[in-house]
Amino acid sequence: ARVIEERSSPLGLLTVVESPTIPFRYAPGLSLANTQEPPAQLAVFTDGDSITAITAYGGDPAKVAYLDRTTAALPYR
């Protein structure tokens, strides 16, 4: 893994990390029945702790269709 960006502010330190060897797969609430692999992601750490992700999106909705299989999608069904 390598740090590709780091920004500091009074609100905290944001660190963006990429890991081509072992890719990040951050998808909270994803169904165990999901068969689609999430696209490439960058990890964003706030103060070296809580993680969130930046998911690659090239304009093809099929690449992010795995999001339809998360608990966040339930109210929209």
PDB file of N, CA and C in Angstrom:
ATOM      1  N   ALA A   1       0.847  -1.182   0.000  1.00  0.00           N
ATOM      2  CA  ALA A   1       0.000   0.000   0.000  1.00  0.00           C
ATOM      3  C   ALA A   1       0.883   1.233   0.000  1.00  0.00           C
ATOM      4  N   ARG A   2       0.354   2.304  -0.573  1.00  0.00           N
ATOM      5  CA  ARG A   2       1.107   3.555  -0.554  1.00  0.00           C
ATOM      6  C   ARG A   2       0.157   4.724  -0.381  1.00  0.00           C
ATOM      7  N   VAL A   3       0.634   5.733   0.318  1.00  0.00           N
ATOM      8  CA  VAL A   3      -0.129   6.960   0.535  1.00  0.00           C
ATOM      9  C   VAL A   3      -0.023   7.794  -0.733  1.00  0.00           C
ATOM     10  N   ILE A   4      -1.175   8.166  -1.319  1.00  0.00           N
ATOM     11  CA  ILE A   4      -1.128   8.976  -2.532  1.00  0.00           C
ATOM     12  C   ILE A   4      -1.515  10.429  -2.280  1.00  0.00           C
ATOM     13  N   GLU A   5      -2.126  10.703  -1.133  1.00  0.00           N
ATOM     14  CA  GLU A   5      -2.471  12.088  -0.782  1.00  0.00           C
ATOM     15  C   GLU A   5      -2.667  12.176   0.715  1.00  0.00           C
ATOM     16  N   GLU A   6      -2.297  13.323   1.263  1.00  0.00           N
ATOM     17  CA  GLU A   6      -2.492  13.563   2.684  1.00  0.00           C
ATOM     18  C   GLU A   6      -2.785  15.043   2.870  1.00  0.00           C
ATOM     19  N   ARG A   7      -3.873  15.343   3.574  1.00  0.00           N
ATOM     20  CA  ARG A   7      -4.278  16.726   3.835  1.00  0.00           C
ATOM     21  C   ARG A   7      -4.602  16.891   5.303  1.00  0.00           C
ATOM     22  N   SER A   8      -4.152  18.007   5.853  1.00  0.00           N
ATOM     23  CA  SER A   8      -4.391  18.296   7.259  1.00  0.00           C
ATOM     24  C   SER A   8      -5.207  19.571   7.377  1.00  0.00           C
ATOM     25  N   SER A   9      -6.119  19.591   8.332  1.00  0.00           N
ATOM     26  CA  SER A   9      -6.929  20.776   8.611  1.00  0.00           C
ATOM     27  C   SER A   9      -7.287  20.746  10.092  1.00  0.00           C
ATOM     28  N   PRO A  10      -7.937  21.812  10.587  1.00  0.00           N
ATOM     29  CA  PRO A  10      -8.374  21.788  11.985  1.00  0.00           C
ATOM     30  C   PRO A  10      -9.367  20.660  12.287  1.00  0.00           C
ATOM     31  N   LEU A  11     -10.008  20.119  11.252  1.00  0.00           N
ATOM     32  CA  LEU A  11     -10.974  19.037  11.446  1.00  0.00           C
ATOM     33  C   LEU A  11     -10.318  17.668  11.503  1.00  0.00           C
ATOM     34  N   GLY A  12      -9.058  17.563  11.102  1.00  0.00           N
ATOM     35  CA  GLY A  12      -8.364  16.286  11.172  1.00  0.00           C
ATOM     36  C   GLY A  12      -7.415  16.075  10.015  1.00  0.00           C
ATOM     37  N   LEU A  13      -6.826  14.901   9.983  1.00  0.00           N
ATOM     38  CA  LEU A  13      -5.885  14.504   8.945  1.00  0.00           C
ATOM     39  C   LEU A  13      -6.552  13.472   8.050  1.00  0.00           C
ATOM     40  N   LEU A  14      -6.628  13.766   6.748  1.00  0.00           N
ATOM     41  CA  LEU A  14      -7.173  12.822   5.773  1.00  0.00           C
ATOM     42  C   LEU A  14      -6.018  12.196   5.012  1.00  0.00           C
ATOM     43  N   THR A  15      -6.019  10.880   4.918  1.00  0.00           N
ATOM     44  CA  THR A  15      -4.977  10.155   4.208  1.00  0.00           C
ATOM     45  C   THR A  15      -5.637   9.243   3.181  1.00  0.00           C
ATOM     46  N   VAL A  16      -5.236   9.388   1.907  1.00  0.00           N
ATOM     47  CA  VAL A  16      -5.763   8.550   0.832  1.00  0.00           C
ATOM     48  C   VAL A  16      -4.696   7.514   0.494  1.00  0.00           C
ATOM     49  N   VAL A  17      -5.109   6.245   0.516  1.00  0.00           N
ATOM     50  CA  VAL A  17      -4.177   5.130   0.330  1.00  0.00           C
ATOM     51  C   VAL A  17      -4.671   4.248  -0.807  1.00  0.00           C
ATOM     52  N   GLU A  18      -3.725   3.783  -1.642  1.00  0.00           N
ATOM     53  CA  GLU A  18      -4.064   2.780  -2.656  1.00  0.00           C
ATOM     54  C   GLU A  18      -3.262   1.523  -2.383  1.00  0.00           C
ATOM     55  N   SER A  19      -3.840   0.400  -2.746  1.00  0.00           N
ATOM     56  CA  SER A  19      -3.169  -0.881  -2.531  1.00  0.00           C
ATOM     57  C   SER A  19      -3.427  -1.784  -3.733  1.00  0.00           C
ATOM     58  N   PRO A  20      -2.554  -1.718  -4.746  1.00  0.00           N
ATOM     59  CA  PRO A  20      -2.778  -2.556  -5.930  1.00  0.00           C
ATOM     60  C   PRO A  20      -2.560  -4.050  -5.669  1.00  0.00           C
ATOM     61  N   THR A  21      -1.718  -4.398  -4.707  1.00  0.00           N
ATOM     62  CA  THR A  21      -1.433  -5.805  -4.429  1.00  0.00           C
ATOM     63  C   THR A  21      -2.623  -6.496  -3.773  1.00  0.00           C
ATOM     64  N   ILE A  22      -3.134  -5.893  -2.704  1.00  0.00           N
ATOM     65  CA  ILE A  22      -4.332  -6.393  -2.029  1.00  0.00           C
ATOM     66  C   ILE A  22      -5.352  -5.263  -2.073  1.00  0.00           C
ATOM     67  N   PRO A  23      -6.248  -5.268  -3.069  1.00  0.00           N
ATOM     68  CA  PRO A  23      -7.158  -4.135  -3.251  1.00  0.00           C
ATOM     69  C   PRO A  23      -8.144  -3.972  -2.096  1.00  0.00           C
ATOM     70  N   PHE A  24      -8.498  -2.718  -1.845  1.00  0.00           N
ATOM     71  CA  PHE A  24      -9.521  -2.428  -0.842  1.00  0.00           C
ATOM     72  C   PHE A  24     -10.869  -2.851  -1.394  1.00  0.00           C
ATOM     73  N   ARG A  25     -11.699  -3.424  -0.562  1.00  0.00           N
ATOM     74  CA  ARG A  25     -13.062  -3.816  -0.925  1.00  0.00           C
ATOM     75  C   ARG A  25     -13.969  -3.389   0.209  1.00  0.00           C
ATOM     76  N   TYR A  26     -14.275  -2.112   0.253  1.00  0.00           N
ATOM     77  CA  TYR A  26     -15.097  -1.559   1.322  1.00  0.00           C
ATOM     78  C   TYR A  26     -16.533  -1.475   0.825  1.00  0.00           C
ATOM     79  N   ALA A  27     -17.406  -2.290   1.369  1.00  0.00           N
ATOM     80  CA  ALA A  27     -18.811  -2.312   0.967  1.00  0.00           C
ATOM     81  C   ALA A  27     -19.656  -2.716   2.167  1.00  0.00           C
ATOM     82  N   PRO A  28     -19.833  -1.805   3.134  1.00  0.00           N
ATOM     83  CA  PRO A  28     -20.616  -2.159   4.322  1.00  0.00           C
ATOM     84  C   PRO A  28     -22.061  -2.476   3.959  1.00  0.00           C
ATOM     85  N   GLY A  29     -22.597  -3.497   4.570  1.00  0.00           N
ATOM     86  CA  GLY A  29     -23.985  -3.887   4.332  1.00  0.00           C
ATOM     87  C   GLY A  29     -24.192  -4.686   3.064  1.00  0.00           C
ATOM     88  N   LEU A  30     -23.117  -5.124   2.422  1.00  0.00           N
ATOM     89  CA  LEU A  30     -23.235  -5.887   1.181  1.00  0.00           C
ATOM     90  C   LEU A  30     -23.768  -7.288   1.473  1.00  0.00           C
ATOM     91  N   SER A  31     -24.728  -7.715   0.665  1.00  0.00           N
ATOM     92  CA  SER A  31     -25.334  -9.035   0.828  1.00  0.00           C
ATOM     93  C   SER A  31     -24.301 -10.141   0.631  1.00  0.00           C
ATOM     94  N   LEU A  32     -24.418 -11.189   1.420  1.00  0.00           N
ATOM     95  CA  LEU A  32     -23.546 -12.349   1.251  1.00  0.00           C
ATOM     96  C   LEU A  32     -23.858 -13.093  -0.045  1.00  0.00           C
ATOM     97  N   ALA A  33     -25.024 -12.827  -0.631  1.00  0.00           N
ATOM     98  CA  ALA A  33     -25.409 -13.462  -1.887  1.00  0.00           C
ATOM     99  C   ALA A  33     -24.872 -12.706  -3.106  1.00  0.00           C
ATOM    100  N   ASN A  34     -24.217 -11.581  -2.894  1.00  0.00           N
ATOM    101  CA  ASN A  34     -23.675 -10.795  -3.999  1.00  0.00           C
ATOM    102  C   ASN A  34     -22.574 -11.578  -4.710  1.00  0.00           C
ATOM    103  N   THR A  35     -22.587 -11.538  -6.046  1.00  0.00           N
ATOM    104  CA  THR A  35     -21.560 -12.223  -6.826  1.00  0.00           C
ATOM    105  C   THR A  35     -20.672 -11.263  -7.598  1.00  0.00           C
ATOM    106  N   GLN A  36     -21.015  -9.988  -7.605  1.00  0.00           N
ATOM    107  CA  GLN A  36     -20.248  -8.997  -8.364  1.00  0.00           C
ATOM    108  C   GLN A  36     -19.145  -8.385  -7.498  1.00  0.00           C
ATOM    109  N   GLU A  37     -17.947  -8.315  -8.047  1.00  0.00           N
ATOM    110  CA  GLU A  37     -16.823  -7.720  -7.330  1.00  0.00           C
ATOM    111  C   GLU A  37     -16.878  -6.196  -7.471  1.00  0.00           C
ATOM    112  N   PRO A  38     -16.686  -5.467  -6.381  1.00  0.00           N
ATOM    113  CA  PRO A  38     -16.656  -4.005  -6.480  1.00  0.00           C
ATOM    114  C   PRO A  38     -15.483  -3.548  -7.349  1.00  0.00           C
ATOM    115  N   PRO A  39     -15.626  -2.395  -8.032  1.00  0.00           N
ATOM    116  CA  PRO A  39     -14.504  -1.873  -8.817  1.00  0.00           C
ATOM    117  C   PRO A  39     -13.366  -1.408  -7.906  1.00  0.00           C
ATOM    118  N   ALA A  40     -12.291  -0.973  -8.508  1.00  0.00           N
ATOM    119  CA  ALA A  40     -11.125  -0.503  -7.749  1.00  0.00           C
ATOM    120  C   ALA A  40     -11.524   0.618  -6.793  1.00  0.00           C
ATOM    121  N   GLN A  41     -10.908   0.618  -5.622  1.00  0.00           N
ATOM    122  CA  GLN A  41     -11.211   1.620  -4.605  1.00  0.00           C
ATOM    123  C   GLN A  41      -9.929   2.171  -3.998  1.00  0.00           C
ATOM    124  N   LEU A  42     -10.023   3.421  -3.553  1.00  0.00           N
ATOM    125  CA  LEU A  42      -8.990   4.039  -2.730  1.00  0.00           C
ATOM    126  C   LEU A  42      -9.556   4.130  -1.325  1.00  0.00           C
ATOM    127  N   ALA A  43      -8.728   3.934  -0.330  1.00  0.00           N
ATOM    128  CA  ALA A  43      -9.175   4.044   1.062  1.00  0.00           C
ATOM    129  C   ALA A  43      -8.864   5.441   1.575  1.00  0.00           C
ATOM    130  N   VAL A  44      -9.810   6.028   2.281  1.00  0.00           N
ATOM    131  CA  VAL A  44      -9.621   7.335   2.904  1.00  0.00           C
ATOM    132  C   VAL A  44      -9.729   7.139   4.411  1.00  0.00           C
ATOM    133  N   PHE A  45      -8.663   7.477   5.105  1.00  0.00           N
ATOM    134  CA  PHE A  45      -8.625   7.356   6.558  1.00  0.00           C
ATOM    135  C   PHE A  45      -8.695   8.742   7.176  1.00  0.00           C
ATOM    136  N   THR A  46      -9.528   8.899   8.193  1.00  0.00           N
ATOM    137  CA  THR A  46      -9.636  10.146   8.940  1.00  0.00           C
ATOM    138  C   THR A  46      -8.894   9.969  10.251  1.00  0.00           C
ATOM    139  N   ASP A  47      -7.870  10.766  10.452  1.00  0.00           N
ATOM    140  CA  ASP A  47      -7.025  10.680  11.648  1.00  0.00           C
ATOM    141  C   ASP A  47      -6.488   9.264  11.863  1.00  0.00           C
ATOM    142  N   GLY A  48      -6.189   8.567  10.772  1.00  0.00           N
ATOM    143  CA  GLY A  48      -5.630   7.223  10.867  1.00  0.00           C
ATOM    144  C   GLY A  48      -6.598   6.185  11.388  1.00  0.00           C
ATOM    145  N   ASP A  49      -7.886   6.509  11.418  1.00  0.00           N
ATOM    146  CA  ASP A  49      -8.857   5.611  12.037  1.00  0.00           C
ATOM    147  C   ASP A  49      -9.943   5.239  11.050  1.00  0.00           C
ATOM    148  N   SER A  50     -11.099   5.854  11.165  1.00  0.00           N
ATOM    149  CA  SER A  50     -12.272   5.428  10.399  1.00  0.00           C
ATOM    150  C   SER A  50     -11.998   5.469   8.893  1.00  0.00           C
ATOM    151  N   ILE A  51     -12.414   4.403   8.230  1.00  0.00           N
ATOM    152  CA  ILE A  51     -12.169   4.265   6.798  1.00  0.00           C
ATOM    153  C   ILE A  51     -13.440   4.547   6.014  1.00  0.00           C
ATOM    154  N   THR A  52     -13.264   5.152   4.875  1.00  0.00           N
ATOM    155  CA  THR A  52     -14.304   5.260   3.868  1.00  0.00           C
ATOM    156  C   THR A  52     -13.604   5.001   2.543  1.00  0.00           C
ATOM    157  N   ALA A  53     -14.345   4.943   1.463  1.00  0.00           N
ATOM    158  CA  ALA A  53     -13.717   4.581   0.194  1.00  0.00           C
ATOM    159  C   ALA A  53     -14.127   5.520  -0.920  1.00  0.00           C
ATOM    160  N   ILE A  54     -13.231   5.672  -1.872  1.00  0.00           N
ATOM    161  CA  ILE A  54     -13.523   6.343  -3.134  1.00  0.00           C
ATOM    162  C   ILE A  54     -13.553   5.223  -4.167  1.00  0.00           C
ATOM    163  N   THR A  55     -14.713   4.999  -4.759  1.00  0.00           N
ATOM    164  CA  THR A  55     -14.887   3.905  -5.713  1.00  0.00           C
ATOM    165  C   THR A  55     -14.752   4.431  -7.131  1.00  0.00           C
ATOM    166  N   ALA A  56     -13.955   3.750  -7.941  1.00  0.00           N
ATOM    167  CA  ALA A  56     -13.778   4.139  -9.340  1.00  0.00           C
ATOM    168  C   ALA A  56     -15.108   3.995 -10.077  1.00  0.00           C
ATOM    169  N   TYR A  57     -15.455   5.022 -10.863  1.00  0.00           N
ATOM    170  CA  TYR A  57     -16.691   4.987 -11.644  1.00  0.00           C
ATOM    171  C   TYR A  57     -16.399   5.608 -13.000  1.00  0.00           C
ATOM    172  N   GLY A  58     -16.435   4.798 -14.033  1.00  0.00           N
ATOM    173  CA  GLY A  58     -16.127   5.275 -15.375  1.00  0.00           C
ATOM    174  C   GLY A  58     -17.354   5.611 -16.198  1.00  0.00           C
ATOM    175  N   GLY A  59     -18.516   5.742 -15.559  1.00  0.00           N
ATOM    176  CA  GLY A  59     -19.735   6.079 -16.274  1.00  0.00           C
ATOM    177  C   GLY A  59     -20.616   4.880 -16.605  1.00  0.00           C
ATOM    178  N   ASP A  60     -20.153   3.680 -16.318  1.00  0.00           N
ATOM    179  CA  ASP A  60     -20.928   2.476 -16.602  1.00  0.00           C
ATOM    180  C   ASP A  60     -21.663   2.033 -15.337  1.00  0.00           C
ATOM    181  N   PRO A  61     -23.009   2.206 -15.297  1.00  0.00           N
ATOM    182  CA  PRO A  61     -23.767   1.830 -14.102  1.00  0.00           C
ATOM    183  C   PRO A  61     -23.634   0.349 -13.734  1.00  0.00           C
ATOM    184  N   ALA A  62     -23.344  -0.507 -14.690  1.00  0.00           N
ATOM    185  CA  ALA A  62     -23.206  -1.941 -14.401  1.00  0.00           C
ATOM    186  C   ALA A  62     -22.021  -2.214 -13.478  1.00  0.00           C
ATOM    187  N   LYS A  63     -20.997  -1.362 -13.522  1.00  0.00           N
ATOM    188  CA  LYS A  63     -19.809  -1.558 -12.679  1.00  0.00           C
ATOM    189  C   LYS A  63     -20.100  -1.319 -11.202  1.00  0.00           C
ATOM    190  N   VAL A  64     -21.120  -0.511 -10.904  1.00  0.00           N
ATOM    191  CA  VAL A  64     -21.461  -0.223  -9.507  1.00  0.00           C
ATOM    192  C   VAL A  64     -22.812  -0.828  -9.118  1.00  0.00           C
ATOM    193  N   ALA A  65     -23.283  -1.789  -9.899  1.00  0.00           N
ATOM    194  CA  ALA A  65     -24.569  -2.438  -9.619  1.00  0.00           C
ATOM    195  C   ALA A  65     -24.538  -3.223  -8.317  1.00  0.00           C
ATOM    196  N   TYR A  66     -23.349  -3.550  -7.817  1.00  0.00           N
ATOM    197  CA  TYR A  66     -23.250  -4.258  -6.532  1.00  0.00           C
ATOM    198  C   TYR A  66     -23.866  -3.432  -5.410  1.00  0.00           C
ATOM    199  N   LEU A  67     -23.944  -2.118  -5.575  1.00  0.00           N
ATOM    200  CA  LEU A  67     -24.539  -1.252  -4.552  1.00  0.00           C
ATOM    201  C   LEU A  67     -26.034  -1.524  -4.376  1.00  0.00           C
ATOM    202  N   ASP A  68     -26.673  -2.111  -5.393  1.00  0.00           N
ATOM    203  CA  ASP A  68     -28.087  -2.490  -5.280  1.00  0.00           C
ATOM    204  C   ASP A  68     -28.281  -3.640  -4.299  1.00  0.00           C
ATOM    205  N   ARG A  69     -27.199  -4.286  -3.919  1.00  0.00           N
ATOM    206  CA  ARG A  69     -27.273  -5.425  -3.000  1.00  0.00           C
ATOM    207  C   ARG A  69     -26.776  -5.070  -1.603  1.00  0.00           C
ATOM    208  N   THR A  70     -26.893  -3.801  -1.249  1.00  0.00           N
ATOM    209  CA  THR A  70     -26.521  -3.358   0.102  1.00  0.00           C
ATOM    210  C   THR A  70     -27.778  -2.990   0.881  1.00  0.00           C
ATOM    211  N   THR A  71     -27.648  -2.927   2.181  1.00  0.00           N
ATOM    212  CA  THR A  71     -28.798  -2.550   3.003  1.00  0.00           C
ATOM    213  C   THR A  71     -29.218  -1.105   2.748  1.00  0.00           C
ATOM    214  N   ALA A  72     -28.308  -0.260   2.285  1.00  0.00           N
ATOM    215  CA  ALA A  72     -28.652   1.135   1.983  1.00  0.00           C
ATOM    216  C   ALA A  72     -29.613   1.234   0.796  1.00  0.00           C
ATOM    217  N   ALA A  73     -29.668   0.223  -0.054  1.00  0.00           N
ATOM    218  CA  ALA A  73     -30.539   0.233  -1.224  1.00  0.00           C
ATOM    219  C   ALA A  73     -31.960  -0.236  -0.913  1.00  0.00           C
ATOM    220  N   LEU A  74     -32.172  -0.841   0.253  1.00  0.00           N
ATOM    221  CA  LEU A  74     -33.486  -1.407   0.583  1.00  0.00           C
ATOM    222  C   LEU A  74     -34.639  -0.407   0.484  1.00  0.00           C
ATOM    223  N   PRO A  75     -34.518   0.834   0.967  1.00  0.00           N
ATOM    224  CA  PRO A  75     -35.656   1.753   0.876  1.00  0.00           C
ATOM    225  C   PRO A  75     -36.043   2.127  -0.553  1.00  0.00           C
ATOM    226  N   TYR A  76     -35.170   1.878  -1.516  1.00  0.00           N
ATOM    227  CA  TYR A  76     -35.423   2.275  -2.901  1.00  0.00           C
ATOM    228  C   TYR A  76     -35.963   1.140  -3.750  1.00  0.00           C
ATOM    229  N   ARG A  77     -36.284   0.025  -3.130  1.00  0.00           N
ATOM    230  CA  ARG A  77     -36.819  -1.120  -3.884  1.00  0.00           C
ATOM    231  C   ARG A  77     -38.322  -1.090  -3.925  1.00  0.00           C
TER     232      ARG A  77
END
